[in-house]
Structure formats: structure tokens, C-alpha cells
Amino acid sequence: MAIYDIPLHTLSGEPASLRDYAGQTLLLVNVASKCGLTPQYEGLERLQQKYADKDFTVLGFPCNQFMGQEPGSADEIQEFCSATYGVTFPLFEKIEVNGENRHPVYAELTAHADAAGDAGDVQWNFEKFLVDRDGAVVGRFRPRTEPESAEVVDAIESQLAR
């Protein structure tokens, strides 16, 4: 199944799909509000602001699978992200990224390897997947890789230059 054809829901529960973002470079991230990596929201939002006019979008997928670090309701998540980090990029419904209830978007994403050649389960909150304008996964960055690291920025910019 093409990643664009997988049904999703926005954080507010509206039907959506990645087809809404076809033709854009995307950075998909599983996010959490109560994680030591939560300050990465700041870097993600700066990427959103810096590259939005170049057909780039960050997409956040709240996930509570890692030590219950995203326990809130959709309204609580939205309020936290907006008030604390000024998040303007789209957020989707809370999903599972690993295991038997893994969301189909993450089944597609996790089939792709990181720079070390490792595919499979998401390791923790804030794992990042770069998707090109055609819907192909072209990069995977583990949770501790900062959003504004040279590795991530170079990968984004190389896609935007295409």
C-alpha cells in the first residue's frame, strides 16, 4: 500500500491521509509530551518555519507506547504543543508505532533502515522519517538525533533541491 493511501485521522478526529501532503517533503515524527526528548518540538517547529515555503512539512504522531509519556487526550496534547512549544505543524491522532497494533503508516515507515542499516521497531519517542515528494521514505533518524542536526538538515535540503 502506498503511504499516501493509508487512512489517518487528525488530532481533532477528522479523516485525513498523507495524500493531503503529496508533492511535499515530509518529516514524520512520533512525539510525546512527557519525555526527556520533548524539547525537540522546538527544533521541529523551527524546521517547519524555515522550510514551509519550500513545500516541506513536519507531521507529528503522538504515541504513548514508551513509558506512558503521552498520556493526554487530544485536546491536552494540542494545548501542550501550542502553548509550550508554539507548534504549528499538523498533529495526528495518538497511535501505536510498534507491535501488533502498529499503525499502517508506521508499518511502512519502519520497513526502512536508518543510516546504520537497521530497520524495524521505532526505538523511542522522536524518531524521524523523511519522505520525499513522491511518498518514498528516504531517511530515518533515531530519537537522539536532533531535528536541526546537520544530518537531518542536509537530508531535508537535498530533497528540497530536487
N, C-alpha and C. Protein backbone atom coordinates (compact mmCIF):
# COMPACT_ATOMS: atom_id res chain seq x y z
N MET A 1 0.85 -1.18 0.00
CA MET A 1 0.00 0.00 0.00
C MET A 1 0.90 1.25 0.00
N ALA A 2 0.60 2.16 -0.88
CA ALA A 2 1.36 3.41 -0.92
C ALA A 2 1.07 4.22 0.34
N ILE A 3 2.09 4.87 0.84
CA ILE A 3 1.95 5.62 2.08
C ILE A 3 0.86 6.69 1.97
N TYR A 4 0.65 7.21 0.77
CA TYR A 4 -0.38 8.23 0.57
C TYR A 4 -1.80 7.68 0.70
N ASP A 5 -1.97 6.37 0.56
CA ASP A 5 -3.30 5.77 0.57
C ASP A 5 -3.76 5.29 1.94
N ILE A 6 -2.93 5.42 2.93
CA ILE A 6 -3.26 4.92 4.27
C ILE A 6 -4.15 5.93 4.98
N PRO A 7 -5.33 5.50 5.44
CA PRO A 7 -6.22 6.44 6.14
C PRO A 7 -5.66 6.84 7.50
N LEU A 8 -5.84 8.10 7.82
CA LEU A 8 -5.41 8.68 9.09
C LEU A 8 -6.53 9.51 9.67
N HIS A 9 -6.30 10.00 10.88
CA HIS A 9 -7.19 11.00 11.48
C HIS A 9 -6.32 12.09 12.09
N THR A 10 -6.78 13.31 11.95
CA THR A 10 -6.10 14.42 12.59
C THR A 10 -6.25 14.29 14.09
N LEU A 11 -5.52 15.09 14.83
CA LEU A 11 -5.63 15.05 16.29
C LEU A 11 -7.05 15.37 16.74
N SER A 12 -7.76 16.17 15.96
CA SER A 12 -9.14 16.51 16.31
C SER A 12 -10.14 15.46 15.82
N GLY A 13 -9.64 14.38 15.19
CA GLY A 13 -10.50 13.27 14.79
C GLY A 13 -11.03 13.33 13.38
N GLU A 14 -10.63 14.32 12.60
CA GLU A 14 -11.09 14.43 11.22
C GLU A 14 -10.35 13.44 10.32
N PRO A 15 -11.05 12.83 9.35
CA PRO A 15 -10.36 11.93 8.42
C PRO A 15 -9.29 12.69 7.63
N ALA A 16 -8.18 12.01 7.36
CA ALA A 16 -7.08 12.61 6.63
C ALA A 16 -6.26 11.51 5.99
N SER A 17 -5.30 11.91 5.18
CA SER A 17 -4.32 10.97 4.65
C SER A 17 -3.08 11.76 4.27
N LEU A 18 -2.00 11.07 4.07
CA LEU A 18 -0.78 11.74 3.64
C LEU A 18 -0.91 12.25 2.21
N ARG A 19 -1.94 11.79 1.49
CA ARG A 19 -2.18 12.30 0.14
C ARG A 19 -2.40 13.81 0.19
N ASP A 20 -2.90 14.30 1.32
CA ASP A 20 -3.10 15.75 1.50
C ASP A 20 -1.77 16.49 1.39
N TYR A 21 -0.65 15.77 1.53
CA TYR A 21 0.69 16.37 1.51
C TYR A 21 1.52 15.90 0.32
N ALA A 22 0.87 15.24 -0.65
CA ALA A 22 1.58 14.76 -1.84
C ALA A 22 2.28 15.94 -2.52
N GLY A 23 3.50 15.69 -2.98
CA GLY A 23 4.28 16.74 -3.63
C GLY A 23 5.13 17.54 -2.67
N GLN A 24 4.99 17.27 -1.37
CA GLN A 24 5.80 17.94 -0.36
C GLN A 24 6.83 16.96 0.22
N THR A 25 7.90 17.51 0.74
CA THR A 25 8.86 16.73 1.52
C THR A 25 8.33 16.72 2.94
N LEU A 26 8.30 15.56 3.56
CA LEU A 26 7.70 15.40 4.89
C LEU A 26 8.70 14.84 5.89
N LEU A 27 8.57 15.28 7.13
CA LEU A 27 9.33 14.69 8.23
C LEU A 27 8.30 14.19 9.24
N LEU A 28 8.11 12.87 9.30
CA LEU A 28 7.15 12.26 10.21
C LEU A 28 7.86 11.89 11.50
N VAL A 29 7.25 12.26 12.63
CA VAL A 29 7.89 12.07 13.94
C VAL A 29 6.86 11.57 14.93
N ASN A 30 7.21 10.51 15.67
CA ASN A 30 6.35 10.09 16.78
C ASN A 30 6.74 10.94 17.99
N VAL A 31 5.77 11.64 18.54
CA VAL A 31 6.02 12.65 19.56
C VAL A 31 5.39 12.28 20.89
N ALA A 32 5.89 12.91 21.96
CA ALA A 32 5.36 12.70 23.31
C ALA A 32 5.60 13.95 24.14
N SER A 33 4.68 14.24 25.03
CA SER A 33 4.72 15.47 25.83
C SER A 33 5.51 15.37 27.12
N LYS A 34 5.77 14.16 27.59
CA LYS A 34 6.40 14.00 28.90
C LYS A 34 7.67 13.16 28.80
N CYS A 35 8.48 13.47 27.83
CA CYS A 35 9.69 12.70 27.52
C CYS A 35 10.90 13.62 27.67
N GLY A 36 12.02 13.06 27.99
CA GLY A 36 13.24 13.85 28.06
C GLY A 36 13.61 14.47 26.72
N LEU A 37 13.08 13.92 25.63
CA LEU A 37 13.34 14.45 24.30
C LEU A 37 12.28 15.45 23.83
N THR A 38 11.27 15.71 24.66
CA THR A 38 10.19 16.61 24.28
C THR A 38 10.67 17.98 23.80
N PRO A 39 11.77 18.53 24.33
CA PRO A 39 12.24 19.81 23.80
C PRO A 39 12.58 19.78 22.31
N GLN A 40 12.65 18.60 21.70
CA GLN A 40 12.86 18.53 20.26
C GLN A 40 11.72 19.20 19.49
N TYR A 41 10.57 19.38 20.14
CA TYR A 41 9.48 20.13 19.49
C TYR A 41 9.99 21.49 19.00
N GLU A 42 10.88 22.12 19.75
CA GLU A 42 11.40 23.43 19.37
C GLU A 42 12.12 23.35 18.02
N GLY A 43 13.00 22.39 17.86
CA GLY A 43 13.73 22.23 16.61
C GLY A 43 12.82 21.83 15.46
N LEU A 44 11.85 20.97 15.76
CA LEU A 44 10.89 20.58 14.72
C LEU A 44 10.11 21.79 14.23
N GLU A 45 9.68 22.63 15.15
CA GLU A 45 8.93 23.83 14.76
C GLU A 45 9.81 24.80 13.98
N ARG A 46 11.09 24.92 14.36
CA ARG A 46 11.98 25.79 13.59
C ARG A 46 12.17 25.26 12.16
N LEU A 47 12.28 23.94 12.01
CA LEU A 47 12.36 23.36 10.66
C LEU A 47 11.09 23.68 9.88
N GLN A 48 9.95 23.54 10.53
CA GLN A 48 8.67 23.84 9.88
C GLN A 48 8.66 25.29 9.39
N GLN A 49 9.05 26.20 10.24
CA GLN A 49 9.05 27.62 9.87
C GLN A 49 10.06 27.92 8.76
N LYS A 50 11.22 27.31 8.85
CA LYS A 50 12.30 27.60 7.90
C LYS A 50 11.98 27.11 6.49
N TYR A 51 11.35 25.94 6.39
CA TYR A 51 11.19 25.30 5.09
C TYR A 51 9.73 25.22 4.59
N ALA A 52 8.78 25.71 5.34
CA ALA A 52 7.37 25.59 4.95
C ALA A 52 7.10 26.18 3.57
N ASP A 53 7.75 27.28 3.26
CA ASP A 53 7.51 27.92 1.96
C ASP A 53 8.22 27.19 0.81
N LYS A 54 8.92 26.11 1.13
CA LYS A 54 9.59 25.29 0.12
C LYS A 54 8.92 23.91 -0.01
N ASP A 55 7.64 23.85 0.35
CA ASP A 55 6.87 22.61 0.29
C ASP A 55 7.43 21.52 1.20
N PHE A 56 7.67 21.90 2.43
CA PHE A 56 8.13 20.97 3.47
C PHE A 56 7.16 21.05 4.64
N THR A 57 6.88 19.91 5.25
CA THR A 57 6.00 19.88 6.42
C THR A 57 6.47 18.82 7.40
N VAL A 58 6.49 19.19 8.67
CA VAL A 58 6.67 18.24 9.76
C VAL A 58 5.28 17.71 10.09
N LEU A 59 5.17 16.41 10.35
CA LEU A 59 3.92 15.80 10.77
C LEU A 59 4.17 15.04 12.07
N GLY A 60 3.41 15.38 13.11
CA GLY A 60 3.59 14.76 14.41
C GLY A 60 2.54 13.69 14.69
N PHE A 61 3.01 12.57 15.23
CA PHE A 61 2.15 11.44 15.57
C PHE A 61 2.33 11.11 17.06
N PRO A 62 1.47 11.64 17.93
CA PRO A 62 1.58 11.32 19.35
C PRO A 62 1.50 9.81 19.58
N CYS A 63 2.32 9.35 20.51
CA CYS A 63 2.38 7.92 20.82
C CYS A 63 2.64 7.75 22.30
N ASN A 64 1.89 6.86 22.94
CA ASN A 64 2.00 6.62 24.38
C ASN A 64 2.66 5.27 24.67
N GLN A 65 3.37 4.69 23.71
CA GLN A 65 3.93 3.36 23.89
C GLN A 65 5.23 3.31 24.69
N PHE A 66 5.87 4.44 24.90
CA PHE A 66 7.16 4.44 25.56
C PHE A 66 7.02 5.02 26.95
N MET A 67 6.88 4.13 27.94
CA MET A 67 6.74 4.50 29.36
C MET A 67 5.60 5.48 29.61
N GLY A 68 4.54 5.41 28.81
CA GLY A 68 3.36 6.23 29.03
C GLY A 68 3.65 7.72 28.97
N GLN A 69 4.54 8.14 28.07
CA GLN A 69 4.98 9.53 28.04
C GLN A 69 4.10 10.45 27.21
N GLU A 70 3.00 9.93 26.68
CA GLU A 70 2.00 10.77 26.01
C GLU A 70 0.62 10.35 26.50
N PRO A 71 0.32 10.65 27.79
CA PRO A 71 -0.92 10.17 28.39
C PRO A 71 -2.15 11.03 28.08
N GLY A 72 -1.97 12.22 27.56
CA GLY A 72 -3.06 13.17 27.44
C GLY A 72 -4.09 12.85 26.37
N SER A 73 -5.21 13.56 26.50
CA SER A 73 -6.26 13.50 25.48
C SER A 73 -5.81 14.33 24.28
N ALA A 74 -6.56 14.25 23.19
CA ALA A 74 -6.24 15.05 22.00
C ALA A 74 -6.20 16.54 22.36
N ASP A 75 -7.18 17.01 23.12
CA ASP A 75 -7.21 18.44 23.50
C ASP A 75 -6.01 18.81 24.35
N GLU A 76 -5.64 17.94 25.28
CA GLU A 76 -4.48 18.22 26.14
C GLU A 76 -3.19 18.24 25.34
N ILE A 77 -3.05 17.33 24.40
CA ILE A 77 -1.86 17.29 23.55
C ILE A 77 -1.77 18.57 22.72
N GLN A 78 -2.88 18.96 22.10
CA GLN A 78 -2.89 20.16 21.27
C GLN A 78 -2.55 21.39 22.10
N GLU A 79 -3.15 21.51 23.26
CA GLU A 79 -2.89 22.67 24.13
C GLU A 79 -1.43 22.70 24.56
N PHE A 80 -0.89 21.56 24.98
CA PHE A 80 0.51 21.50 25.40
C PHE A 80 1.43 21.92 24.26
N CYS A 81 1.24 21.34 23.08
CA CYS A 81 2.12 21.63 21.95
C CYS A 81 2.05 23.10 21.53
N SER A 82 0.85 23.64 21.51
CA SER A 82 0.67 25.04 21.11
C SER A 82 1.21 26.00 22.16
N ALA A 83 0.82 25.78 23.40
CA ALA A 83 1.18 26.72 24.47
C ALA A 83 2.65 26.63 24.86
N THR A 84 3.19 25.44 24.91
CA THR A 84 4.55 25.25 25.40
C THR A 84 5.59 25.44 24.31
N TYR A 85 5.30 24.96 23.10
CA TYR A 85 6.31 24.98 22.04
C TYR A 85 5.88 25.74 20.79
N GLY A 86 4.69 26.30 20.78
CA GLY A 86 4.24 27.07 19.62
C GLY A 86 4.13 26.24 18.36
N VAL A 87 3.80 24.97 18.51
CA VAL A 87 3.73 24.06 17.37
C VAL A 87 2.63 24.49 16.40
N THR A 88 3.01 24.64 15.14
CA THR A 88 2.05 24.97 14.10
C THR A 88 1.90 23.83 13.09
N PHE A 89 2.81 22.86 13.12
CA PHE A 89 2.73 21.76 12.16
C PHE A 89 1.61 20.81 12.55
N PRO A 90 1.08 20.06 11.57
CA PRO A 90 -0.05 19.17 11.83
C PRO A 90 0.29 18.05 12.80
N LEU A 91 -0.67 17.76 13.67
CA LEU A 91 -0.60 16.63 14.58
C LEU A 91 -1.74 15.68 14.26
N PHE A 92 -1.47 14.41 14.36
CA PHE A 92 -2.46 13.39 14.07
C PHE A 92 -2.88 12.68 15.35
N GLU A 93 -3.88 11.81 15.22
CA GLU A 93 -4.38 11.09 16.38
C GLU A 93 -3.27 10.27 17.03
N LYS A 94 -3.42 10.01 18.30
CA LYS A 94 -2.47 9.18 19.02
C LYS A 94 -2.53 7.76 18.45
N ILE A 95 -1.34 7.23 18.13
CA ILE A 95 -1.27 5.90 17.50
C ILE A 95 -0.20 5.05 18.19
N GLU A 96 -0.15 3.78 17.78
CA GLU A 96 0.93 2.91 18.19
C GLU A 96 1.89 2.78 17.01
N VAL A 97 3.18 2.83 17.30
CA VAL A 97 4.19 2.77 16.25
C VAL A 97 4.91 1.42 16.20
N ASN A 98 4.70 0.58 17.21
CA ASN A 98 5.32 -0.75 17.29
C ASN A 98 4.25 -1.76 17.68
N GLY A 99 4.57 -3.02 17.49
CA GLY A 99 3.71 -4.10 17.98
C GLY A 99 2.57 -4.46 17.06
N GLU A 100 1.70 -5.32 17.56
CA GLU A 100 0.63 -5.86 16.72
C GLU A 100 -0.40 -4.80 16.33
N ASN A 101 -0.50 -3.71 17.09
CA ASN A 101 -1.43 -2.63 16.76
C ASN A 101 -0.73 -1.45 16.09
N ARG A 102 0.47 -1.69 15.54
CA ARG A 102 1.22 -0.65 14.85
C ARG A 102 0.35 -0.05 13.74
N HIS A 103 0.29 1.27 13.70
CA HIS A 103 -0.48 1.94 12.65
C HIS A 103 0.13 1.61 11.29
N PRO A 104 -0.70 1.43 10.25
CA PRO A 104 -0.17 1.10 8.93
C PRO A 104 0.87 2.10 8.39
N VAL A 105 0.76 3.38 8.74
CA VAL A 105 1.78 4.34 8.30
C VAL A 105 3.13 3.94 8.88
N TYR A 106 3.14 3.52 10.14
CA TYR A 106 4.41 3.13 10.77
C TYR A 106 4.86 1.75 10.33
N ALA A 107 3.94 0.90 9.88
CA ALA A 107 4.36 -0.38 9.29
C ALA A 107 5.19 -0.10 8.04
N GLU A 108 4.76 0.89 7.27
CA GLU A 108 5.50 1.28 6.07
C GLU A 108 6.82 1.95 6.44
N LEU A 109 6.78 2.90 7.37
CA LEU A 109 7.99 3.64 7.73
C LEU A 109 9.07 2.74 8.32
N THR A 110 8.70 1.86 9.24
CA THR A 110 9.69 1.05 9.95
C THR A 110 10.31 -0.04 9.09
N ALA A 111 9.79 -0.25 7.90
CA ALA A 111 10.42 -1.18 6.97
C ALA A 111 11.71 -0.62 6.39
N HIS A 112 11.93 0.68 6.59
CA HIS A 112 13.10 1.35 6.03
C HIS A 112 14.20 1.49 7.07
N ALA A 113 15.41 1.30 6.63
CA ALA A 113 16.57 1.30 7.53
C ALA A 113 17.09 2.71 7.79
N ASP A 114 17.77 2.85 8.92
CA ASP A 114 18.47 4.09 9.24
C ASP A 114 19.85 4.07 8.56
N ALA A 115 20.67 5.06 8.83
CA ALA A 115 21.99 5.16 8.19
C ALA A 115 22.90 3.97 8.52
N ALA A 116 22.66 3.32 9.67
CA ALA A 116 23.47 2.16 10.05
C ALA A 116 22.95 0.87 9.41
N GLY A 117 21.84 0.97 8.67
CA GLY A 117 21.28 -0.21 8.02
C GLY A 117 20.27 -0.97 8.85
N ASP A 118 19.83 -0.37 9.96
CA ASP A 118 18.88 -1.04 10.85
C ASP A 118 17.46 -0.58 10.58
N ALA A 119 16.59 -1.53 10.25
CA ALA A 119 15.16 -1.26 10.09
C ALA A 119 14.45 -1.78 11.33
N GLY A 120 13.14 -1.85 11.28
CA GLY A 120 12.38 -2.43 12.37
C GLY A 120 11.83 -1.39 13.32
N ASP A 121 11.53 -1.84 14.53
CA ASP A 121 10.80 -1.04 15.50
C ASP A 121 11.40 0.34 15.74
N VAL A 122 10.50 1.26 16.03
CA VAL A 122 10.88 2.59 16.49
C VAL A 122 11.52 2.40 17.86
N GLN A 123 12.65 3.07 18.12
CA GLN A 123 13.37 2.87 19.38
C GLN A 123 12.77 3.64 20.55
N TRP A 124 12.23 4.84 20.28
CA TRP A 124 11.73 5.69 21.37
C TRP A 124 10.96 6.84 20.74
N ASN A 125 10.49 7.75 21.56
CA ASN A 125 9.83 8.96 21.07
C ASN A 125 10.80 9.79 20.23
N PHE A 126 10.27 10.52 19.28
CA PHE A 126 11.01 11.46 18.44
C PHE A 126 11.94 10.79 17.42
N GLU A 127 11.55 9.60 16.97
CA GLU A 127 12.24 9.02 15.82
C GLU A 127 11.66 9.71 14.58
N LYS A 128 12.54 10.02 13.62
CA LYS A 128 12.16 10.86 12.49
C LYS A 128 12.33 10.10 11.19
N PHE A 129 11.33 10.26 10.30
CA PHE A 129 11.35 9.63 8.98
C PHE A 129 11.16 10.71 7.93
N LEU A 130 12.07 10.77 6.97
CA LEU A 130 11.99 11.74 5.89
C LEU A 130 11.36 11.06 4.67
N VAL A 131 10.32 11.69 4.13
CA VAL A 131 9.59 11.17 2.98
C VAL A 131 9.70 12.19 1.85
N ASP A 132 10.06 11.70 0.66
CA ASP A 132 10.24 12.63 -0.46
C ASP A 132 8.91 13.02 -1.09
N ARG A 133 8.97 13.88 -2.08
CA ARG A 133 7.77 14.43 -2.72
C ARG A 133 6.90 13.37 -3.38
N ASP A 134 7.49 12.20 -3.65
CA ASP A 134 6.75 11.11 -4.29
C ASP A 134 6.22 10.08 -3.30
N GLY A 135 6.47 10.31 -2.01
CA GLY A 135 5.96 9.39 -0.99
C GLY A 135 6.91 8.27 -0.61
N ALA A 136 8.16 8.34 -1.05
CA ALA A 136 9.15 7.32 -0.71
C ALA A 136 9.90 7.72 0.55
N VAL A 137 10.13 6.77 1.44
CA VAL A 137 10.92 7.02 2.63
C VAL A 137 12.38 7.10 2.21
N VAL A 138 13.03 8.23 2.49
CA VAL A 138 14.40 8.45 2.03
C VAL A 138 15.38 8.70 3.18
N GLY A 139 14.87 8.71 4.40
CA GLY A 139 15.76 8.90 5.54
C GLY A 139 15.08 8.49 6.83
N ARG A 140 15.90 8.00 7.75
CA ARG A 140 15.41 7.60 9.08
C ARG A 140 16.45 8.05 10.09
N PHE A 141 15.99 8.76 11.10
CA PHE A 141 16.89 9.33 12.11
C PHE A 141 16.38 8.92 13.48
N ARG A 142 17.25 8.32 14.24
CA ARG A 142 16.88 7.80 15.56
C ARG A 142 16.57 8.94 16.53
N PRO A 143 15.90 8.61 17.65
CA PRO A 143 15.38 9.63 18.56
C PRO A 143 16.38 10.67 19.05
N ARG A 144 17.60 10.28 19.34
CA ARG A 144 18.55 11.24 19.90
C ARG A 144 19.17 12.17 18.85
N THR A 145 18.87 11.92 17.59
CA THR A 145 19.33 12.82 16.52
C THR A 145 18.45 14.07 16.56
N GLU A 146 19.06 15.19 16.87
CA GLU A 146 18.32 16.44 16.99
C GLU A 146 17.73 16.84 15.63
N PRO A 147 16.53 17.42 15.63
CA PRO A 147 15.90 17.82 14.37
C PRO A 147 16.76 18.76 13.53
N GLU A 148 17.52 19.63 14.16
CA GLU A 148 18.33 20.59 13.42
C GLU A 148 19.79 20.16 13.27
N SER A 149 20.05 18.87 13.49
CA SER A 149 21.41 18.36 13.29
C SER A 149 21.76 18.47 11.80
N ALA A 150 23.05 18.54 11.51
CA ALA A 150 23.49 18.62 10.11
C ALA A 150 22.96 17.44 9.30
N GLU A 151 22.93 16.28 9.92
CA GLU A 151 22.47 15.07 9.24
C GLU A 151 21.02 15.22 8.74
N VAL A 152 20.15 15.73 9.59
CA VAL A 152 18.74 15.89 9.23
C VAL A 152 18.57 17.06 8.25
N VAL A 153 19.18 18.20 8.56
CA VAL A 153 19.03 19.38 7.71
C VAL A 153 19.58 19.10 6.30
N ASP A 154 20.74 18.45 6.21
CA ASP A 154 21.30 18.13 4.89
C ASP A 154 20.37 17.22 4.09
N ALA A 155 19.77 16.26 4.77
CA ALA A 155 18.84 15.34 4.08
C ALA A 155 17.60 16.09 3.60
N ILE A 156 17.07 16.97 4.44
CA ILE A 156 15.90 17.77 4.04
C ILE A 156 16.26 18.65 2.85
N GLU A 157 17.36 19.37 2.95
CA GLU A 157 17.74 20.30 1.89
C GLU A 157 18.04 19.58 0.58
N SER A 158 18.60 18.38 0.66
CA SER A 158 18.85 17.65 -0.59
C SER A 158 17.55 17.26 -1.26
N GLN A 159 16.53 16.96 -0.48
CA GLN A 159 15.22 16.66 -1.05
C GLN A 159 14.56 17.91 -1.63
N LEU A 160 14.69 19.01 -0.94
CA LEU A 160 14.07 20.25 -1.40
C LEU A 160 14.72 20.77 -2.67
N ALA A 161 15.98 20.41 -2.89
CA ALA A 161 16.71 20.86 -4.09
C ALA A 161 16.34 20.05 -5.33
N ARG A 162 15.63 18.97 -5.14
CA ARG A 162 15.27 18.09 -6.27
C ARG A 162 14.15 18.67 -7.09
